[in-house]
Amino acid sequence: MRLHIKFAGGSMNARGDDPIGAFTCSGWYSEDTGDAAWTKKYVAAHDVNYKGVRDGRGIWGNWNIGYVQGGFHIWPDDGEENASEHTATEVAELVTPIEMGTKPVDVAEE
């Protein structure tokens, strides 16, 4: 999956596509703490909620769709970590509802 993200004035917006289809994202981020949260909205399909933190190598965190959740890592594709708009790549790992609450969510690594 590839997505194009724009960070400006505490707001985050993105667009992209993956095997499920085209989507847009909108949310917020904090320059002070690195925290971020957004919702990915698929065209004529479900929404996915994301919450994470920036650590200098990208944004790591968790996503959820109702009772299903998993980990993610988004990192710049162009090496410009501080760019206001760039292309990024995401790796997500699915965690089944049975695993929720019984162990920490693993975040996919590069």
N, C-alpha and C. Protein backbone atom coordinates (compact mmCIF):
# COMPACT_ATOMS: atom_id res chain seq x y z
N MET A 1 0.84 -1.17 0.00
CA MET A 1 0.00 0.00 0.00
C MET A 1 0.89 1.23 0.00
N ARG A 2 0.44 2.23 -0.72
CA ARG A 2 1.10 3.53 -0.72
C ARG A 2 0.06 4.59 -0.39
N LEU A 3 0.50 5.60 0.34
CA LEU A 3 -0.39 6.70 0.63
C LEU A 3 0.38 8.01 0.57
N HIS A 4 -0.34 9.07 0.27
CA HIS A 4 0.23 10.41 0.20
C HIS A 4 -0.34 11.19 1.38
N ILE A 5 0.55 11.63 2.28
CA ILE A 5 0.13 12.28 3.52
C ILE A 5 0.55 13.74 3.52
N LYS A 6 -0.32 14.60 4.08
CA LYS A 6 0.02 16.00 4.28
C LYS A 6 -0.20 16.34 5.75
N PHE A 7 0.84 16.86 6.41
CA PHE A 7 0.76 17.33 7.78
C PHE A 7 0.86 18.85 7.75
N ALA A 8 -0.09 19.54 8.36
CA ALA A 8 -0.07 21.01 8.39
C ALA A 8 -0.90 21.52 9.56
N GLY A 9 -0.30 22.33 10.42
CA GLY A 9 -1.03 23.00 11.49
C GLY A 9 -1.80 22.08 12.42
N GLY A 10 -1.28 20.91 12.69
CA GLY A 10 -1.94 19.97 13.59
C GLY A 10 -2.95 19.06 12.93
N SER A 11 -3.19 19.24 11.63
CA SER A 11 -4.11 18.37 10.89
C SER A 11 -3.34 17.43 9.98
N MET A 12 -3.86 16.24 9.80
CA MET A 12 -3.28 15.25 8.92
C MET A 12 -4.34 14.82 7.92
N ASN A 13 -3.99 14.84 6.64
CA ASN A 13 -4.89 14.37 5.59
C ASN A 13 -4.09 13.47 4.66
N ALA A 14 -4.73 12.46 4.11
CA ALA A 14 -4.03 11.53 3.23
C ALA A 14 -5.01 10.94 2.24
N ARG A 15 -4.44 10.38 1.19
CA ARG A 15 -5.22 9.62 0.21
C ARG A 15 -4.34 8.48 -0.26
N GLY A 16 -4.97 7.42 -0.72
CA GLY A 16 -4.20 6.29 -1.20
C GLY A 16 -5.11 5.17 -1.65
N ASP A 17 -4.50 4.03 -1.87
CA ASP A 17 -5.26 2.83 -2.20
C ASP A 17 -4.46 1.61 -1.76
N ASP A 18 -5.17 0.53 -1.57
CA ASP A 18 -4.58 -0.75 -1.19
C ASP A 18 -5.44 -1.85 -1.80
N PRO A 19 -5.19 -3.11 -1.49
CA PRO A 19 -6.00 -4.18 -2.10
C PRO A 19 -7.50 -4.07 -1.83
N ILE A 20 -7.91 -3.38 -0.77
CA ILE A 20 -9.34 -3.22 -0.49
C ILE A 20 -9.95 -2.17 -1.39
N GLY A 21 -9.19 -1.10 -1.70
CA GLY A 21 -9.69 -0.05 -2.58
C GLY A 21 -9.13 1.31 -2.24
N ALA A 22 -9.71 2.33 -2.85
CA ALA A 22 -9.29 3.72 -2.63
C ALA A 22 -9.79 4.20 -1.27
N PHE A 23 -9.03 5.12 -0.64
CA PHE A 23 -9.43 5.66 0.65
C PHE A 23 -8.90 7.07 0.82
N THR A 24 -9.47 7.76 1.81
CA THR A 24 -8.95 9.04 2.29
C THR A 24 -8.76 8.92 3.79
N CYS A 25 -7.92 9.77 4.36
CA CYS A 25 -7.69 9.79 5.81
C CYS A 25 -7.77 11.23 6.27
N SER A 26 -8.27 11.43 7.48
CA SER A 26 -8.22 12.75 8.10
C SER A 26 -8.08 12.55 9.60
N GLY A 27 -7.32 13.46 10.23
CA GLY A 27 -7.11 13.37 11.66
C GLY A 27 -6.24 14.49 12.17
N TRP A 28 -5.53 14.24 13.27
CA TRP A 28 -4.73 15.26 13.93
C TRP A 28 -3.38 14.68 14.34
N TYR A 29 -2.44 15.58 14.65
CA TYR A 29 -1.15 15.18 15.20
C TYR A 29 -0.65 16.29 16.12
N SER A 30 0.24 15.93 17.03
CA SER A 30 0.85 16.89 17.94
C SER A 30 2.34 16.97 17.64
N GLU A 31 2.82 18.16 17.29
CA GLU A 31 4.26 18.34 17.07
C GLU A 31 5.03 18.18 18.38
N ASP A 32 4.41 18.51 19.51
CA ASP A 32 5.08 18.44 20.81
C ASP A 32 5.29 17.00 21.28
N THR A 33 4.27 16.16 21.19
CA THR A 33 4.35 14.80 21.73
C THR A 33 4.58 13.74 20.66
N GLY A 34 4.29 14.04 19.41
CA GLY A 34 4.39 13.04 18.35
C GLY A 34 3.15 12.19 18.22
N ASP A 35 2.16 12.37 19.09
CA ASP A 35 0.93 11.60 19.02
C ASP A 35 0.14 11.95 17.77
N ALA A 36 -0.58 10.97 17.23
CA ALA A 36 -1.41 11.18 16.05
C ALA A 36 -2.59 10.23 16.08
N ALA A 37 -3.70 10.65 15.50
CA ALA A 37 -4.89 9.79 15.37
C ALA A 37 -5.63 10.21 14.11
N TRP A 38 -6.17 9.23 13.39
CA TRP A 38 -6.91 9.53 12.17
C TRP A 38 -7.84 8.39 11.84
N THR A 39 -8.74 8.66 10.91
CA THR A 39 -9.67 7.65 10.40
C THR A 39 -9.44 7.49 8.92
N LYS A 40 -9.27 6.23 8.50
CA LYS A 40 -9.16 5.89 7.08
C LYS A 40 -10.56 5.52 6.62
N LYS A 41 -11.05 6.21 5.58
CA LYS A 41 -12.39 5.97 5.05
C LYS A 41 -12.28 5.40 3.64
N TYR A 42 -12.72 4.16 3.50
CA TYR A 42 -12.77 3.54 2.18
C TYR A 42 -14.02 4.01 1.45
N VAL A 43 -13.91 4.19 0.14
CA VAL A 43 -15.05 4.58 -0.68
C VAL A 43 -16.07 3.45 -0.65
N ALA A 44 -17.29 3.73 -0.23
CA ALA A 44 -18.40 2.77 -0.18
C ALA A 44 -18.06 1.51 0.62
N ALA A 45 -17.29 1.66 1.70
CA ALA A 45 -16.94 0.50 2.53
C ALA A 45 -16.74 0.97 3.98
N HIS A 46 -15.97 0.23 4.75
CA HIS A 46 -15.80 0.47 6.18
C HIS A 46 -14.75 1.55 6.47
N ASP A 47 -14.70 1.99 7.74
CA ASP A 47 -13.69 2.93 8.23
C ASP A 47 -12.72 2.17 9.13
N VAL A 48 -11.49 2.66 9.22
CA VAL A 48 -10.47 2.10 10.10
C VAL A 48 -9.92 3.23 10.95
N ASN A 49 -9.88 3.05 12.27
CA ASN A 49 -9.36 4.06 13.19
C ASN A 49 -7.90 3.74 13.53
N TYR A 50 -7.05 4.76 13.49
CA TYR A 50 -5.63 4.62 13.77
C TYR A 50 -5.24 5.55 14.91
N LYS A 51 -4.31 5.08 15.76
CA LYS A 51 -3.75 5.91 16.82
C LYS A 51 -2.29 5.50 16.98
N GLY A 52 -1.39 6.49 16.95
CA GLY A 52 0.02 6.14 17.02
C GLY A 52 0.87 7.29 17.50
N VAL A 53 2.19 7.09 17.40
CA VAL A 53 3.16 8.11 17.82
C VAL A 53 4.34 8.09 16.86
N ARG A 54 4.84 9.28 16.57
CA ARG A 54 6.01 9.43 15.69
C ARG A 54 7.27 9.26 16.52
N ASP A 55 8.23 8.49 15.99
CA ASP A 55 9.46 8.24 16.75
C ASP A 55 10.73 8.58 15.98
N GLY A 56 10.64 9.28 14.88
CA GLY A 56 11.81 9.61 14.09
C GLY A 56 12.06 8.63 12.96
N ARG A 57 11.45 7.44 13.01
CA ARG A 57 11.55 6.46 11.93
C ARG A 57 10.19 6.24 11.28
N GLY A 58 9.22 7.05 11.62
CA GLY A 58 7.88 6.91 11.09
C GLY A 58 6.86 7.02 12.20
N ILE A 59 5.66 6.52 11.93
CA ILE A 59 4.59 6.51 12.92
C ILE A 59 4.26 5.05 13.21
N TRP A 60 4.27 4.67 14.49
CA TRP A 60 3.95 3.32 14.95
C TRP A 60 2.67 3.39 15.78
N GLY A 61 1.86 2.36 15.75
CA GLY A 61 0.68 2.36 16.60
C GLY A 61 -0.24 1.20 16.33
N ASN A 62 -1.51 1.42 16.62
CA ASN A 62 -2.54 0.40 16.49
C ASN A 62 -3.70 0.92 15.65
N TRP A 63 -4.35 0.02 14.95
CA TRP A 63 -5.56 0.33 14.20
C TRP A 63 -6.66 -0.57 14.71
N ASN A 64 -7.92 -0.17 14.48
CA ASN A 64 -9.04 -1.05 14.84
C ASN A 64 -10.21 -0.82 13.92
N ILE A 65 -10.92 -1.91 13.72
CA ILE A 65 -12.21 -1.93 13.01
C ILE A 65 -13.13 -2.70 13.95
N GLY A 66 -13.85 -1.99 14.77
CA GLY A 66 -14.70 -2.67 15.75
C GLY A 66 -13.86 -3.49 16.71
N TYR A 67 -14.09 -4.81 16.75
CA TYR A 67 -13.38 -5.69 17.67
C TYR A 67 -12.07 -6.23 17.11
N VAL A 68 -11.76 -5.95 15.87
CA VAL A 68 -10.53 -6.43 15.26
C VAL A 68 -9.50 -5.31 15.31
N GLN A 69 -8.27 -5.64 15.71
CA GLN A 69 -7.23 -4.63 15.79
C GLN A 69 -5.90 -5.21 15.36
N GLY A 70 -4.95 -4.34 15.15
CA GLY A 70 -3.62 -4.77 14.75
C GLY A 70 -2.64 -3.62 14.90
N GLY A 71 -1.40 -3.89 14.58
CA GLY A 71 -0.36 -2.88 14.66
C GLY A 71 0.00 -2.37 13.28
N PHE A 72 0.61 -1.18 13.24
CA PHE A 72 1.04 -0.63 11.96
C PHE A 72 2.34 0.14 12.13
N HIS A 73 3.03 0.33 11.04
CA HIS A 73 4.19 1.21 10.95
C HIS A 73 4.12 1.91 9.61
N ILE A 74 4.13 3.22 9.61
CA ILE A 74 4.15 4.03 8.40
C ILE A 74 5.48 4.78 8.38
N TRP A 75 6.19 4.72 7.27
CA TRP A 75 7.46 5.43 7.19
C TRP A 75 7.59 6.13 5.85
N PRO A 76 8.38 7.21 5.81
CA PRO A 76 8.56 7.96 4.55
C PRO A 76 9.23 7.10 3.50
N ASP A 77 8.77 7.22 2.30
CA ASP A 77 9.33 6.48 1.18
C ASP A 77 10.49 7.24 0.55
N ASP A 78 10.55 8.57 0.78
CA ASP A 78 11.52 9.39 0.10
C ASP A 78 12.67 9.87 0.99
N GLY A 79 12.72 9.41 2.24
CA GLY A 79 13.80 9.79 3.13
C GLY A 79 13.68 11.18 3.71
N GLU A 80 12.60 11.89 3.42
CA GLU A 80 12.42 13.24 3.95
C GLU A 80 11.44 13.19 5.12
N GLU A 81 11.92 12.73 6.25
CA GLU A 81 11.09 12.53 7.44
C GLU A 81 10.36 13.80 7.86
N ASN A 82 10.95 14.97 7.68
CA ASN A 82 10.34 16.21 8.14
C ASN A 82 9.59 16.95 7.05
N ALA A 83 9.41 16.35 5.90
CA ALA A 83 8.69 17.02 4.82
C ALA A 83 7.23 17.20 5.20
N SER A 84 6.61 18.29 4.73
CA SER A 84 5.21 18.54 5.07
C SER A 84 4.27 17.66 4.25
N GLU A 85 4.72 17.20 3.09
CA GLU A 85 3.91 16.28 2.29
C GLU A 85 4.84 15.27 1.65
N HIS A 86 4.52 14.00 1.77
CA HIS A 86 5.36 12.97 1.18
C HIS A 86 4.58 11.70 0.95
N THR A 87 5.20 10.81 0.25
CA THR A 87 4.63 9.49 0.04
C THR A 87 5.15 8.58 1.15
N ALA A 88 4.30 7.72 1.66
CA ALA A 88 4.70 6.81 2.73
C ALA A 88 4.24 5.40 2.39
N THR A 89 4.79 4.46 3.11
CA THR A 89 4.42 3.06 2.95
C THR A 89 3.95 2.56 4.31
N GLU A 90 2.96 1.71 4.32
CA GLU A 90 2.41 1.18 5.57
C GLU A 90 2.51 -0.33 5.58
N VAL A 91 2.85 -0.88 6.73
CA VAL A 91 2.79 -2.32 6.95
C VAL A 91 1.84 -2.52 8.12
N ALA A 92 0.85 -3.35 7.95
CA ALA A 92 -0.11 -3.62 9.03
C ALA A 92 -0.16 -5.10 9.30
N GLU A 93 -0.42 -5.46 10.53
CA GLU A 93 -0.52 -6.86 10.93
C GLU A 93 -1.88 -7.08 11.58
N LEU A 94 -2.59 -8.09 11.13
CA LEU A 94 -3.91 -8.39 11.66
C LEU A 94 -3.81 -9.16 12.96
N VAL A 95 -4.63 -8.78 13.93
CA VAL A 95 -4.75 -9.51 15.18
C VAL A 95 -6.19 -9.93 15.32
N THR A 96 -6.45 -11.21 15.51
CA THR A 96 -7.82 -11.69 15.60
C THR A 96 -8.45 -11.26 16.91
N PRO A 97 -9.79 -11.21 16.98
CA PRO A 97 -10.45 -10.80 18.23
C PRO A 97 -10.07 -11.67 19.42
N ILE A 98 -9.76 -12.94 19.22
CA ILE A 98 -9.39 -13.84 20.31
C ILE A 98 -8.09 -13.38 20.96
N GLU A 99 -7.16 -12.83 20.17
CA GLU A 99 -5.88 -12.39 20.71
C GLU A 99 -5.97 -11.07 21.46
N MET A 100 -7.03 -10.31 21.24
CA MET A 100 -7.15 -9.01 21.88
C MET A 100 -7.20 -9.16 23.39
N GLY A 101 -6.38 -8.40 24.07
CA GLY A 101 -6.39 -8.39 25.52
C GLY A 101 -5.58 -9.51 26.15
N THR A 102 -5.08 -10.45 25.36
CA THR A 102 -4.32 -11.54 25.93
C THR A 102 -2.82 -11.37 25.73
N LYS A 103 -2.43 -10.49 24.81
CA LYS A 103 -1.01 -10.20 24.61
C LYS A 103 -0.89 -8.86 23.93
N PRO A 104 0.29 -8.24 24.01
CA PRO A 104 0.47 -6.95 23.33
C PRO A 104 0.36 -7.13 21.82
N VAL A 105 -0.07 -6.07 21.16
CA VAL A 105 -0.14 -6.09 19.70
C VAL A 105 1.27 -5.92 19.16
N ASP A 106 1.70 -6.82 18.29
CA ASP A 106 3.00 -6.71 17.65
C ASP A 106 2.93 -5.71 16.53
N VAL A 107 3.94 -4.88 16.40
CA VAL A 107 4.00 -3.91 15.32
C VAL A 107 4.94 -4.46 14.28
N ALA A 108 4.52 -4.44 13.03
CA ALA A 108 5.35 -4.94 11.94
C ALA A 108 6.62 -4.13 11.85
N GLU A 109 7.72 -4.80 11.59
CA GLU A 109 9.01 -4.12 11.50
C GLU A 109 9.44 -4.03 10.06
N GLU A 110 10.32 -3.05 9.78
CA GLU A 110 10.84 -2.83 8.42
C GLU A 110 11.64 -4.03 7.97
